[in-house]
Amino acid sequence: MLNIVLIESDLKSTLLEDGLQHCGFKCLKIQHNASFLEQLKSTVADVVIFNLDSPSEKILADLQQLNQHLPLPVVMFTSDGHVDTINQAINAGVSAYIVDGLDPVRLASIVHVAIARFKQQQALKNALEEARVQLEDRKQIDRAKAILIKTRNFTENEAYHTLRKLAMDRNITLGEMAKNVIAMADLLK
């Protein structure tokens, strides 16, 4: 059973809440206020759903914070179909932006599509971060090899194998060993 946090501008409306419960989701309705992010951190939410006329700048800013610190799939039902608003919402981390489409029959599929889209975005984000780290490690390894070539008269192959052996002996990554060599070289200057 998925735990859904629901934020609606019309607090008296129960249409969406009833529809979510009918789909078998556990629903917790909260208000968007200054403690919104803290409230979300204290819940065990699987998905966050907004039902608004239009997302405010504060909501979009809070969603960016949420996306950075506690990434969750976010579905937004709204009547605001302006392209600029849609782009701002997507940039803030909204997984599904639904304009004038609050149909209880489609709720389950909308939630599941948002979750799938969110997982895909997270996988891409993780792959990008991994590639960035590998590139940075590669730069550090090349710099450390250059230091060994210059100070110890190693060939490039000897420098690489020395770094690799040192890393294995110390049970650390090649990138970490390269950073250690660079730090030592900087210290001995």
Protein backbone atom coordinates (compact mmCIF):
# COMPACT_ATOMS: atom_id res chain seq x y z
CA MET A 1 0.00 0.00 0.00
CA LEU A 2 1.42 3.37 -1.03
CA ASN A 3 1.46 6.25 1.44
CA ILE A 4 0.32 9.46 -0.23
CA VAL A 5 0.60 12.94 1.19
CA LEU A 6 -2.13 15.15 -0.25
CA ILE A 7 -2.03 18.95 -0.32
CA GLU A 8 -5.15 20.72 -1.58
CA SER A 9 -6.05 24.38 -1.87
CA ASP A 10 -9.70 23.53 -1.11
CA LEU A 11 -9.48 21.93 2.33
CA LYS A 12 -13.17 20.98 2.31
CA SER A 13 -12.94 18.95 -0.88
CA THR A 14 -12.71 15.19 -0.39
CA LEU A 15 -13.06 14.09 -4.04
CA LEU A 16 -9.34 13.41 -4.55
CA GLU A 17 -8.84 11.96 -1.08
CA ASP A 18 -11.80 9.62 -1.53
CA GLY A 19 -10.55 8.61 -5.00
CA LEU A 20 -7.07 7.81 -3.69
CA GLN A 21 -8.48 5.73 -0.84
CA HIS A 22 -10.76 3.94 -3.28
CA CYS A 23 -7.63 3.00 -5.31
CA GLY A 24 -6.17 1.42 -2.18
CA PHE A 25 -3.74 4.18 -1.24
CA LYS A 26 -3.23 5.37 2.30
CA CYS A 27 -3.80 9.12 2.27
CA LEU A 28 -2.59 11.81 4.68
CA LYS A 29 -3.93 15.29 4.01
CA ILE A 30 -1.76 18.21 5.11
CA GLN A 31 -1.63 21.94 4.43
CA HIS A 32 1.10 23.78 2.60
CA ASN A 33 2.55 26.21 5.11
CA ALA A 34 5.92 27.27 6.56
CA SER A 35 6.45 23.82 8.15
CA PHE A 36 5.53 21.90 4.98
CA LEU A 37 9.00 20.38 4.45
CA GLU A 38 9.30 19.40 8.11
CA GLN A 39 5.87 17.77 7.99
CA LEU A 40 6.92 15.76 4.94
CA LYS A 41 10.15 14.64 6.62
CA SER A 42 8.15 13.32 9.58
CA THR A 43 5.86 11.25 7.35
CA VAL A 44 6.61 8.06 5.48
CA ALA A 45 5.41 9.35 2.13
CA ASP A 46 5.82 7.40 -1.09
CA VAL A 47 4.20 10.08 -3.26
CA VAL A 48 3.20 13.72 -2.79
CA ILE A 49 0.09 14.96 -4.59
CA PHE A 50 -0.95 18.59 -4.97
CA ASN A 51 -4.43 19.69 -6.03
CA LEU A 52 -4.22 23.44 -6.71
CA ASP A 53 -5.58 26.13 -8.97
CA SER A 54 -1.98 27.17 -9.71
CA PRO A 55 1.30 26.46 -7.91
CA SER A 56 2.68 29.50 -6.08
CA GLU A 57 6.32 30.51 -6.18
CA LYS A 58 6.62 29.34 -2.55
CA ILE A 59 5.29 25.88 -3.43
CA LEU A 60 7.70 25.61 -6.37
CA ALA A 61 10.61 26.73 -4.16
CA ASP A 62 9.62 24.17 -1.51
CA LEU A 63 9.42 21.47 -4.18
CA GLN A 64 12.98 22.29 -5.31
CA GLN A 65 14.12 21.93 -1.69
CA LEU A 66 12.22 18.67 -1.40
CA ASN A 67 13.80 17.38 -4.62
CA GLN A 68 17.29 18.16 -3.28
CA HIS A 69 16.90 16.83 0.25
CA LEU A 70 14.13 14.24 0.17
CA PRO A 71 13.37 13.31 -3.44
CA LEU A 72 9.87 11.91 -3.88
CA PRO A 73 7.52 11.47 -6.82
CA VAL A 74 5.27 14.53 -7.03
CA VAL A 75 1.95 14.69 -8.89
CA MET A 76 0.33 18.07 -9.42
CA PHE A 77 -3.33 18.48 -10.42
CA THR A 78 -3.98 22.07 -11.48
CA SER A 79 -6.04 24.25 -13.76
CA ASP A 80 -2.97 26.31 -14.77
CA GLY A 81 -1.90 25.19 -18.23
CA HIS A 82 0.54 28.05 -18.91
CA VAL A 83 3.75 26.75 -20.48
CA ASP A 84 5.91 28.83 -18.13
CA THR A 85 4.18 27.38 -15.05
CA ILE A 86 4.50 23.85 -16.42
CA ASN A 87 8.25 24.35 -17.03
CA GLN A 88 8.75 25.79 -13.55
CA ALA A 89 6.91 22.84 -12.00
CA ILE A 90 8.91 20.26 -13.97
CA ASN A 91 12.16 22.06 -13.07
CA ALA A 92 11.08 21.95 -9.41
CA GLY A 93 10.83 18.16 -9.58
CA VAL A 94 7.18 17.49 -10.40
CA SER A 95 6.91 14.02 -11.96
CA ALA A 96 3.39 14.44 -13.38
CA TYR A 97 1.66 17.76 -14.10
CA ILE A 98 -2.03 17.19 -14.87
CA VAL A 99 -4.08 20.12 -16.18
CA ASP A 100 -7.85 19.88 -15.65
CA GLY A 101 -7.66 16.10 -15.43
CA LEU A 102 -8.86 15.12 -11.98
CA ASP A 103 -10.66 11.93 -12.96
CA PRO A 104 -10.88 9.41 -10.08
CA VAL A 105 -10.86 6.53 -12.58
CA ARG A 106 -7.36 7.53 -13.79
CA LEU A 107 -5.82 8.20 -10.36
CA ALA A 108 -4.04 4.89 -9.89
CA SER A 109 -2.44 4.97 -13.34
CA ILE A 110 -1.37 8.62 -12.91
CA VAL A 111 0.29 7.80 -9.58
CA HIS A 112 2.07 4.74 -11.01
CA VAL A 113 3.27 6.65 -14.09
CA ALA A 114 4.60 9.42 -11.83
CA ILE A 115 6.47 6.85 -9.73
CA ALA A 116 7.96 5.21 -12.83
CA ARG A 117 8.98 8.61 -14.24
CA PHE A 118 10.51 9.59 -10.91
CA LYS A 119 12.53 6.36 -10.73
CA GLN A 120 13.79 6.94 -14.27
CA GLN A 121 14.82 10.51 -13.42
CA GLN A 122 16.60 9.34 -10.25
CA ALA A 123 18.48 6.66 -12.22
CA LEU A 124 19.61 9.27 -14.75
CA LYS A 125 20.62 11.65 -11.96
CA ASN A 126 22.62 8.89 -10.25
CA ALA A 127 24.30 7.88 -13.52
CA LEU A 128 25.24 11.49 -14.20
CA GLU A 129 26.73 11.87 -10.73
CA GLU A 130 28.66 8.62 -11.13
CA ALA A 131 30.03 9.80 -14.48
CA ARG A 132 31.03 13.14 -12.93
CA VAL A 133 32.88 11.36 -10.11
CA GLN A 134 34.63 9.03 -12.57
CA LEU A 135 35.71 12.00 -14.69
CA GLU A 136 37.04 13.81 -11.64
CA ASP A 137 38.88 10.65 -10.52
CA ARG A 138 40.35 10.29 -14.01
CA LYS A 139 41.66 13.87 -13.84
CA GLN A 140 43.18 13.21 -10.41
CA ILE A 141 44.77 9.96 -11.60
CA ASP A 142 46.31 11.71 -14.61
CA ARG A 143 47.64 14.47 -12.36
CA ALA A 144 49.10 11.95 -9.88
CA LYS A 145 50.71 9.99 -12.75
CA ALA A 146 52.29 13.24 -13.99
CA ILE A 147 53.72 13.87 -10.51
CA LEU A 148 55.21 10.36 -10.36
CA ILE A 149 56.62 10.69 -13.89
CA LYS A 150 58.23 14.03 -13.02
CA THR A 151 59.54 13.20 -9.53
CA ARG A 152 60.43 9.51 -9.90
CA ASN A 153 61.22 9.34 -13.64
CA PHE A 154 58.56 6.69 -14.15
CA THR A 155 57.00 5.89 -17.50
CA GLU A 156 53.27 6.49 -17.73
CA ASN A 157 52.67 2.74 -17.44
CA GLU A 158 54.91 2.47 -14.35
CA ALA A 159 53.21 5.46 -12.74
CA TYR A 160 49.76 3.93 -13.29
CA HIS A 161 50.78 0.50 -11.96
CA THR A 162 52.43 2.11 -8.92
CA LEU A 163 49.26 4.06 -8.15
CA ARG A 164 47.16 0.95 -8.62
CA LYS A 165 49.38 -1.16 -6.34
CA LEU A 166 49.42 1.52 -3.64
CA ALA A 167 45.61 1.76 -3.81
CA MET A 168 45.20 -2.01 -3.55
CA ASP A 169 47.69 -2.26 -0.67
CA ARG A 170 45.74 0.38 1.24
CA ASN A 171 42.33 -0.96 0.20
CA ILE A 172 41.23 2.38 -1.28
CA THR A 173 40.13 3.44 -4.75
CA LEU A 174 42.56 4.54 -7.39
CA GLY A 175 40.99 8.01 -7.28
CA GLU A 176 41.56 8.27 -3.53
CA MET A 177 45.18 7.15 -3.94
CA ALA A 178 45.68 9.76 -6.65
CA LYS A 179 44.32 12.46 -4.32
CA ASN A 180 46.73 11.28 -1.61
CA VAL A 181 49.72 11.50 -4.00
CA ILE A 182 48.68 14.98 -5.08
CA ALA A 183 48.22 16.11 -1.47
CA MET A 184 51.64 14.72 -0.54
CA ALA A 185 53.26 16.43 -3.52
CA ASP A 186 51.61 19.73 -2.57
CA LEU A 187 52.81 19.31 0.99
CA LEU A 188 56.43 18.70 -0.10
CA LYS A 189 56.59 21.75 -2.36
